[in-house]
Amino acid sequence: MGKRIKRNTRINPNEFGDLLYDRKELDAISCVLLDGKIFRYSGKKPSPTDIFENKVKRYLGVKYAHGLNSGTSALKASLRALEIKPGDRVLISAYTFIATPAAVISLGAIPIPIDLNLDTGMDLFQLKTEINKGCVAIIPVHLQGRTFNISPIIKLAHKKNIPVIEDACQAFGAKYGHTPAGCFGDMGVFSFQQYKQISSGEGGMIITNNRDYYRKTKIYSDHGIVRELRSWDTDEAIIGDNLRMDNLRAAILNVQIGKLPVMIATQKKNRDFILGGVSNLKITSIINSSDVKGETCMNILFLAASVKKTVDIISHAKNSKIEFRYLWDRPYYKHGIFEKMEMTPRYLGSFICKNAEDISKRLVFLSIPPTLSGNDLKKIVKEIKTLHKLRLIV
């Protein structure tokens, strides 16, 4: 196999698993193509999708795992498993990708934004208030390879018998304490899109220890059929959707999950080098989770002192071919589409999420992919020192 084409001009692109594609992924795809069974249910022996689901179950220590074609599909199928109905209120993190509220709206339900808290992920006062108004589910969202301390959220939810779906799309491989992201709630969902820790371009997963939820997600995502009976004539059959994972994606992921321990270890080593190189600067704007050891170290987060300094950090680093970036520069409801749909605090009578509105404009991410060379790391350290000297990072 020849040299890989250099795809990025940036030193530290916001990519991870896909940067480590090599002959192993290519061979895995070739085996599926030569076998002629790309559809997961086209053969009698365990398919690559079955194998990947079993690997995820072992890795996370859960009873059930179901592969889908995207993290968005995983969100939608998990909500469908809860039998969410039009008009139902679902409490979600205000600071999240548009897929989270969109999955709720796709079922006719109403996404209620809860403000950002950098420890628990959701503001507990707002959460309690909205729970008391009534809701059918809660979706906390983990961010960028780090897990929020969502135990207080789980406690509040379970007191009221409200199911929790963990949106861990960005946190596969992360932990809080000894518990992996996605394993605190009643269901956890993951994404394997190109910019995630392990990647198949697109792909998703639902995990749970609840057999009923597993069965419902599996049936719903397979056109509503009861696959074992090949029938829509049973009591379990429903009008479903086609959200299935195919064997090509699964073949890639079977290789990628094997690389995961080295990926995370490399990212941690890179992060330690960078932080060690600037430790004498006593930078206070670095934001960590409550459990730094559980982070996958995909990035370092900085909370700039102002919006202008945020813009200047991104611009200055870009000239050095180093990527500092926003995750999302606003809470989801600040996008115009939600105003048009009357799905904002203004219309819903919910809280304006002032913390999310403020922090989203000042939070910048320094990506730390697993492919950084020693020279790359030195350049990143040098850039942070320059930004500190300019009083952009303090």
Protein backbone atom coordinates (compact mmCIF):
# COMPACT_ATOMS: atom_id res chain seq x y z
CA MET A 1 0.00 0.00 0.00
CA GLY A 2 1.42 3.40 -1.00
CA LYS A 3 1.81 6.47 1.12
CA ARG A 4 -1.36 8.02 2.42
CA ILE A 5 -2.39 11.27 0.79
CA LYS A 6 -2.05 14.13 3.22
CA ARG A 7 -5.64 15.33 3.68
CA ASN A 8 -5.15 18.16 6.11
CA THR A 9 -3.14 21.38 6.05
CA ARG A 10 -3.81 21.80 9.77
CA ILE A 11 -1.46 20.29 12.33
CA ASN A 12 -4.30 19.09 14.54
CA PRO A 13 -7.51 18.46 12.57
CA ASN A 14 -10.66 17.64 14.51
CA GLU A 15 -10.51 14.00 13.41
CA PHE A 16 -9.60 10.90 15.33
CA GLY A 17 -10.29 7.28 14.41
CA ASP A 18 -10.40 7.95 10.68
CA LEU A 19 -6.84 9.30 10.78
CA LEU A 20 -5.66 5.79 11.64
CA TYR A 21 -7.32 3.98 8.73
CA ASP A 22 -4.85 1.52 7.23
CA ARG A 23 -4.69 -1.86 5.55
CA LYS A 24 -6.75 -3.48 8.33
CA GLU A 25 -9.87 -1.47 7.54
CA LEU A 26 -9.33 -1.98 3.82
CA ASP A 27 -9.01 -5.75 4.25
CA ALA A 28 -12.12 -5.84 6.44
CA ILE A 29 -14.17 -4.01 3.78
CA SER A 30 -12.76 -6.27 1.05
CA CYS A 31 -13.88 -9.37 2.95
CA VAL A 32 -17.44 -8.05 3.14
CA LEU A 33 -17.48 -7.14 -0.56
CA LEU A 34 -16.04 -10.47 -1.65
CA ASP A 35 -18.50 -12.29 0.60
CA GLY A 36 -21.29 -10.39 -1.14
CA LYS A 37 -23.25 -9.80 2.07
CA ILE A 38 -23.38 -6.07 2.81
CA PHE A 39 -26.89 -6.23 4.30
CA ARG A 40 -26.59 -7.37 7.90
CA TYR A 41 -29.39 -9.96 7.62
CA SER A 42 -28.27 -11.52 4.33
CA GLY A 43 -26.41 -14.51 5.73
CA LYS A 44 -26.90 -17.30 8.27
CA LYS A 45 -23.65 -16.84 10.19
CA PRO A 46 -23.06 -13.89 12.56
CA SER A 47 -22.61 -10.78 10.44
CA PRO A 48 -19.93 -8.11 10.97
CA THR A 49 -22.72 -6.00 12.51
CA ASP A 50 -23.55 -8.78 14.99
CA ILE A 51 -19.86 -9.07 15.82
CA PHE A 52 -19.50 -5.33 16.40
CA GLU A 53 -22.55 -5.26 18.67
CA ASN A 54 -21.04 -8.08 20.74
CA LYS A 55 -17.72 -6.24 20.97
CA VAL A 56 -19.49 -3.12 22.24
CA LYS A 57 -21.42 -5.15 24.81
CA ARG A 58 -18.18 -6.62 26.16
CA TYR A 59 -16.34 -3.29 26.07
CA LEU A 60 -19.08 -1.43 27.98
CA GLY A 61 -20.37 -4.30 30.10
CA VAL A 62 -24.00 -4.02 28.97
CA LYS A 63 -26.59 -6.62 28.05
CA TYR A 64 -27.81 -5.21 24.76
CA ALA A 65 -26.34 -3.20 21.89
CA HIS A 66 -28.00 -2.39 18.58
CA GLY A 67 -26.18 -0.87 15.60
CA LEU A 68 -27.81 1.81 13.46
CA ASN A 69 -26.83 4.01 10.54
CA SER A 70 -26.17 7.16 12.60
CA GLY A 71 -26.20 8.67 16.08
CA THR A 72 -29.25 10.69 15.04
CA SER A 73 -31.07 7.46 14.21
CA ALA A 74 -30.03 6.08 17.60
CA LEU A 75 -31.61 9.09 19.31
CA LYS A 76 -34.80 8.75 17.30
CA ALA A 77 -35.08 4.99 17.87
CA SER A 78 -34.43 5.34 21.61
CA LEU A 79 -37.21 7.93 21.89
CA ARG A 80 -39.49 5.63 19.88
CA ALA A 81 -38.72 2.82 22.34
CA LEU A 82 -40.11 5.04 25.10
CA GLU A 83 -43.29 5.45 23.03
CA ILE A 84 -42.92 9.22 22.95
CA LYS A 85 -46.11 10.83 21.64
CA PRO A 86 -46.85 14.17 19.93
CA GLY A 87 -46.96 16.98 22.48
CA ASP A 88 -44.82 15.12 25.06
CA ARG A 89 -42.20 17.24 26.80
CA VAL A 90 -38.59 15.98 26.63
CA LEU A 91 -35.94 17.83 28.66
CA ILE A 92 -32.62 18.14 26.81
CA SER A 93 -29.31 19.91 27.25
CA ALA A 94 -29.45 23.37 25.70
CA TYR A 95 -25.82 23.06 24.57
CA THR A 96 -25.98 20.25 22.04
CA PHE A 97 -25.87 19.49 18.35
CA ILE A 98 -29.08 20.09 16.42
CA ALA A 99 -29.67 16.31 16.11
CA THR A 100 -30.80 16.06 19.74
CA PRO A 101 -33.78 18.43 19.53
CA ALA A 102 -34.47 17.39 15.92
CA ALA A 103 -34.93 13.75 16.98
CA VAL A 104 -37.46 14.87 19.58
CA ILE A 105 -39.34 17.08 17.11
CA SER A 106 -39.38 14.30 14.48
CA LEU A 107 -41.73 12.36 16.76
CA GLY A 108 -43.94 15.38 17.38
CA ALA A 109 -42.62 15.89 20.90
CA ILE A 110 -41.36 19.16 22.38
CA PRO A 111 -37.68 19.68 23.29
CA ILE A 112 -37.33 21.78 26.45
CA PRO A 113 -33.82 23.28 26.80
CA ILE A 114 -32.04 23.03 30.15
CA ASP A 115 -29.12 25.37 30.77
CA LEU A 116 -25.49 24.23 30.71
CA ASN A 117 -23.61 23.37 33.88
CA LEU A 118 -19.95 22.48 33.33
CA ASP A 119 -20.01 19.86 36.11
CA THR A 120 -23.34 18.06 35.72
CA GLY A 121 -24.09 19.07 32.13
CA MET A 122 -27.54 20.41 33.07
CA ASP A 123 -28.55 23.12 35.54
CA LEU A 124 -30.20 21.17 38.36
CA PHE A 125 -32.51 23.98 39.47
CA GLN A 126 -33.94 24.39 35.99
CA LEU A 127 -34.14 20.63 35.61
CA LYS A 128 -36.16 20.21 38.83
CA THR A 129 -38.50 23.03 37.83
CA GLU A 130 -39.18 21.57 34.39
CA ILE A 131 -39.57 18.05 35.77
CA ASN A 132 -42.29 19.37 38.08
CA LYS A 133 -44.10 20.82 35.05
CA GLY A 134 -44.17 17.31 33.61
CA CYS A 135 -41.95 15.45 31.14
CA VAL A 136 -41.62 11.98 29.66
CA ALA A 137 -37.83 11.74 29.21
CA ILE A 138 -34.54 13.51 29.94
CA ILE A 139 -31.57 13.64 27.56
CA PRO A 140 -28.29 14.85 29.07
CA VAL A 141 -25.47 15.28 26.55
CA HIS A 142 -21.79 14.43 27.08
CA LEU A 143 -19.29 16.52 25.16
CA GLN A 144 -16.12 15.85 23.20
CA GLY A 145 -14.66 12.79 24.87
CA ARG A 146 -15.62 13.78 28.42
CA THR A 147 -18.44 12.61 30.66
CA PHE A 148 -20.44 14.97 32.85
CA ASN A 149 -21.28 13.97 36.41
CA ILE A 150 -24.88 13.10 35.58
CA SER A 151 -25.56 11.03 38.74
CA PRO A 152 -27.67 13.89 40.23
CA ILE A 153 -29.71 13.94 37.01
CA ILE A 154 -30.26 10.18 37.17
CA LYS A 155 -31.31 10.48 40.82
CA LEU A 156 -33.85 13.23 40.06
CA ALA A 157 -35.22 11.30 37.10
CA HIS A 158 -35.60 7.98 38.86
CA LYS A 159 -37.45 9.61 41.79
CA LYS A 160 -40.15 10.52 39.29
CA ASN A 161 -39.82 7.35 37.17
CA ILE A 162 -38.62 9.38 34.20
CA PRO A 163 -36.38 7.47 31.76
CA VAL A 164 -32.99 8.95 30.85
CA ILE A 165 -31.40 8.67 27.41
CA GLU A 166 -27.70 9.52 27.52
CA ASP A 167 -26.56 11.30 24.39
CA ALA A 168 -22.99 10.03 24.43
CA CYS A 169 -22.52 10.48 20.68
CA GLN A 170 -19.27 12.37 21.29
CA ALA A 171 -18.04 10.30 24.21
CA PHE A 172 -17.46 6.70 23.16
CA GLY A 173 -14.59 5.42 25.32
CA ALA A 174 -14.95 8.08 28.03
CA LYS A 175 -15.74 7.27 31.67
CA TYR A 176 -16.87 8.94 34.86
CA GLY A 177 -15.39 7.06 37.75
CA HIS A 178 -15.54 3.43 36.69
CA THR A 179 -18.71 3.83 34.61
CA PRO A 180 -18.46 4.32 30.83
CA ALA A 181 -20.35 7.15 29.15
CA GLY A 182 -23.73 5.90 28.00
CA CYS A 183 -24.09 3.41 30.86
CA PHE A 184 -25.65 5.66 33.51
CA GLY A 185 -29.07 6.12 31.92
CA ASP A 186 -31.79 3.74 30.81
CA MET A 187 -30.37 3.92 27.29
CA GLY A 188 -27.16 5.34 25.84
CA VAL A 189 -26.59 6.42 22.25
CA PHE A 190 -23.34 6.80 20.30
CA SER A 191 -22.22 8.14 16.94
CA PHE A 192 -19.44 6.78 14.73
CA GLN A 193 -19.53 9.64 12.24
CA GLN A 194 -16.21 10.76 10.72
CA TYR A 195 -15.23 13.19 13.49
CA LYS A 196 -15.87 10.80 16.37
CA GLN A 197 -13.37 8.77 18.41
CA ILE A 198 -13.94 5.65 16.33
CA SER A 199 -15.32 6.24 12.88
CA SER A 200 -17.02 4.59 9.94
CA GLY A 201 -18.02 7.83 8.24
CA GLU A 202 -21.54 7.39 9.59
CA GLY A 203 -22.94 4.93 12.11
CA GLY A 204 -24.65 4.77 15.47
CA MET A 205 -25.42 2.52 18.42
CA ILE A 206 -27.97 2.15 21.20
CA ILE A 207 -26.98 0.35 24.41
CA THR A 208 -29.23 -0.68 27.29
CA ASN A 209 -29.75 -3.27 30.00
CA ASN A 210 -33.51 -3.19 29.41
CA ARG A 211 -34.67 -5.96 27.10
CA ASP A 212 -37.96 -4.23 26.28
CA TYR A 213 -36.18 -1.06 25.12
CA TYR A 214 -33.75 -3.15 23.08
CA ARG A 215 -36.54 -5.07 21.36
CA LYS A 216 -38.46 -1.90 20.52
CA THR A 217 -35.41 -0.12 19.07
CA LYS A 218 -34.49 -3.18 17.04
CA ILE A 219 -37.98 -3.61 15.61
CA TYR A 220 -38.56 0.09 14.95
CA SER A 221 -35.25 0.53 13.12
CA ASP A 222 -35.94 -2.51 10.89
CA HIS A 223 -39.13 -1.25 9.21
CA GLY A 224 -41.14 -2.46 12.22
CA ILE A 225 -40.71 -6.13 11.35
CA VAL A 226 -40.14 -8.90 13.89
CA ARG A 227 -37.02 -10.15 12.17
CA GLU A 228 -36.92 -13.66 13.69
CA LEU A 229 -40.40 -14.37 12.33
CA ARG A 230 -40.05 -12.22 9.20
CA SER A 231 -43.50 -10.96 9.97
CA TRP A 232 -45.51 -7.77 10.40
CA ASP A 233 -48.46 -9.86 11.65
CA THR A 234 -47.40 -10.21 15.29
CA ASP A 235 -48.32 -8.06 18.26
CA GLU A 236 -44.76 -6.67 18.40
CA ALA A 237 -44.72 -5.48 14.77
CA ILE A 238 -45.18 -1.76 14.15
CA ILE A 239 -44.87 0.84 11.40
CA GLY A 240 -41.18 1.47 11.67
CA ASP A 241 -38.30 3.07 9.85
CA ASN A 242 -35.15 1.91 8.05
CA LEU A 243 -32.25 2.92 10.30
CA ARG A 244 -30.13 -0.22 10.04
CA MET A 245 -26.34 -0.45 10.18
CA ASP A 246 -24.77 -2.23 7.21
CA ASN A 247 -21.87 -4.67 7.25
CA LEU A 248 -19.42 -2.30 5.53
CA ARG A 249 -19.67 0.20 8.38
CA ALA A 250 -19.53 -2.58 10.93
CA ALA A 251 -16.42 -4.09 9.31
CA ILE A 252 -14.61 -0.77 9.69
CA LEU A 253 -15.79 -0.39 13.29
CA ASN A 254 -14.66 -3.89 14.20
CA VAL A 255 -11.13 -2.77 13.34
CA GLN A 256 -11.49 0.67 14.88
CA ILE A 257 -12.67 -0.57 18.27
CA GLY A 258 -9.54 -2.70 18.45
CA LYS A 259 -7.45 0.44 17.98
CA LEU A 260 -9.35 2.39 20.63
CA PRO A 261 -7.09 1.68 23.65
CA VAL A 262 -4.01 2.88 21.73
CA MET A 263 -5.90 5.92 20.40
CA ILE A 264 -6.93 7.03 23.88
CA ALA A 265 -3.51 6.31 25.39
CA THR A 266 -1.83 8.32 22.62
CA GLN A 267 -4.22 11.25 23.06
CA LYS A 268 -3.59 11.24 26.81
CA LYS A 269 0.14 11.23 26.23
CA ASN A 270 -0.18 14.12 23.75
CA ARG A 271 -2.39 16.09 26.13
CA ASP A 272 0.06 15.56 29.00
CA PHE A 273 2.93 16.78 26.81
CA ILE A 274 1.06 19.96 25.84
CA LEU A 275 -0.10 20.75 29.36
CA GLY A 276 3.33 19.95 30.73
CA GLY A 277 4.90 22.31 28.24
CA VAL A 278 2.78 25.25 29.46
CA SER A 279 2.45 24.30 33.14
CA ASN A 280 4.70 27.19 34.23
CA LEU A 281 2.19 29.67 32.74
CA LYS A 282 -0.42 28.78 35.39
CA ILE A 283 -3.28 28.98 32.85
CA THR A 284 -6.64 29.18 34.63
CA SER A 285 -8.95 29.18 31.61
CA ILE A 286 -8.56 25.43 30.92
CA ILE A 287 -11.85 23.58 31.51
CA ASN A 288 -11.71 19.93 32.57
CA SER A 289 -14.46 17.52 33.47
CA SER A 290 -14.90 16.44 37.08
CA ASP A 291 -13.03 13.25 36.21
CA VAL A 292 -9.97 14.11 34.11
CA LYS A 293 -8.75 10.49 34.18
CA GLY A 294 -11.94 9.38 32.44
CA GLU A 295 -11.56 11.77 29.51
CA THR A 296 -10.45 10.41 26.15
CA CYS A 297 -8.33 13.58 25.75
CA MET A 298 -9.59 14.39 22.27
CA ASN A 299 -8.99 18.04 23.07
CA ILE A 300 -8.18 20.76 25.58
CA LEU A 301 -10.96 23.26 26.33
CA PHE A 302 -10.29 26.92 27.03
CA LEU A 303 -12.88 29.43 28.26
CA ALA A 304 -11.78 32.79 26.86
CA ALA A 305 -12.41 36.02 28.78
CA SER A 306 -14.49 37.59 26.00
CA VAL A 307 -16.06 36.89 22.63
CA LYS A 308 -13.42 39.04 20.92
CA LYS A 309 -10.59 37.07 22.53
CA THR A 310 -12.25 33.84 21.38
CA VAL A 311 -12.27 35.07 17.78
CA ASP A 312 -8.67 36.28 18.08
CA ILE A 313 -7.48 32.92 19.48
CA ILE A 314 -9.04 31.01 16.57
CA SER A 315 -7.71 33.47 13.99
CA HIS A 316 -4.14 33.65 15.37
CA ALA A 317 -3.79 29.89 15.68
CA LYS A 318 -5.14 29.36 12.17
CA ASN A 319 -2.22 31.36 10.80
CA SER A 320 0.06 28.84 12.52
CA LYS A 321 -1.96 25.95 10.96
CA ILE A 322 -3.22 24.98 14.42
CA GLU A 323 -6.94 24.47 14.94
CA PHE A 324 -8.75 26.09 17.82
CA ARG A 325 -12.49 25.85 17.17
CA TYR A 326 -15.94 26.39 18.55
CA LEU A 327 -17.93 23.27 19.29
CA TRP A 328 -21.26 25.06 18.82
CA ASP A 329 -21.33 28.84 19.06
CA ARG A 330 -24.84 28.98 20.53
CA PRO A 331 -27.46 26.86 22.30
CA TYR A 332 -29.45 24.86 19.76
CA TYR A 333 -32.58 27.00 20.07
CA LYS A 334 -30.72 30.12 18.88
CA HIS A 335 -30.74 28.72 15.34
CA GLY A 336 -33.44 30.43 13.30
CA ILE A 337 -35.28 27.23 12.45
CA PHE A 338 -36.37 26.79 16.08
CA GLU A 339 -37.72 30.34 16.20
CA LYS A 340 -39.72 29.61 13.05
CA MET A 341 -41.09 26.44 14.61
CA GLU A 342 -41.87 28.26 17.88
CA MET A 343 -39.55 25.88 19.72
CA THR A 344 -37.59 28.43 21.79
CA PRO A 345 -37.90 29.49 25.47
CA ARG A 346 -39.87 32.50 24.25
CA TYR A 347 -42.66 30.25 23.00
CA LEU A 348 -42.30 27.28 25.34
CA GLY A 349 -42.39 29.26 28.56
CA SER A 350 -39.12 27.65 29.62
CA PHE A 351 -35.88 29.15 30.90
CA ILE A 352 -33.57 31.28 28.79
CA CYS A 353 -30.31 29.38 29.09
CA LYS A 354 -28.05 32.30 29.94
CA ASN A 355 -25.04 30.18 30.87
CA ALA A 356 -25.15 28.25 27.59
CA GLU A 357 -25.63 31.46 25.62
CA ASP A 358 -22.58 33.00 27.27
CA ILE A 359 -20.22 30.02 27.45
CA SER A 360 -20.92 28.84 23.90
CA LYS A 361 -19.43 32.06 22.53
CA ARG A 362 -16.28 31.81 24.64
CA LEU A 363 -15.52 28.08 24.72
CA VAL A 364 -12.76 27.01 22.32
CA PHE A 365 -11.42 23.54 21.64
CA LEU A 366 -7.84 22.61 20.81
CA SER A 367 -8.10 19.27 19.02
CA ILE A 368 -5.61 16.54 19.98
CA PRO A 369 -5.77 13.75 17.37
CA PRO A 370 -3.75 10.56 17.85
CA THR A 371 -1.43 11.31 14.90
CA LEU A 372 0.47 14.31 16.29
CA SER A 373 4.24 14.10 15.86
CA GLY A 374 6.77 15.36 18.39
CA ASN A 375 7.31 18.40 16.19
CA ASP A 376 3.55 19.02 15.99
CA LEU A 377 3.29 18.95 19.77
CA LYS A 378 6.12 21.45 20.14
CA LYS A 379 4.42 23.81 17.67
CA ILE A 380 1.17 23.59 19.66
CA VAL A 381 2.99 24.37 22.92
CA LYS A 382 4.69 27.32 21.24
CA GLU A 383 1.35 28.65 19.97
CA ILE A 384 -0.26 28.44 23.40
CA LYS A 385 2.70 30.31 24.89
CA THR A 386 2.30 33.00 22.23
CA LEU A 387 -1.43 33.29 22.90
CA HIS A 388 -0.66 33.60 26.60
CA LYS A 389 1.92 36.31 25.95
CA LEU A 390 -0.71 38.19 23.94
CA ARG A 391 -3.12 37.80 26.91
CA LEU A 392 -5.59 35.88 24.74
CA ILE A 393 -5.24 32.76 26.89
CA VAL A 394 -4.75 33.43 30.60
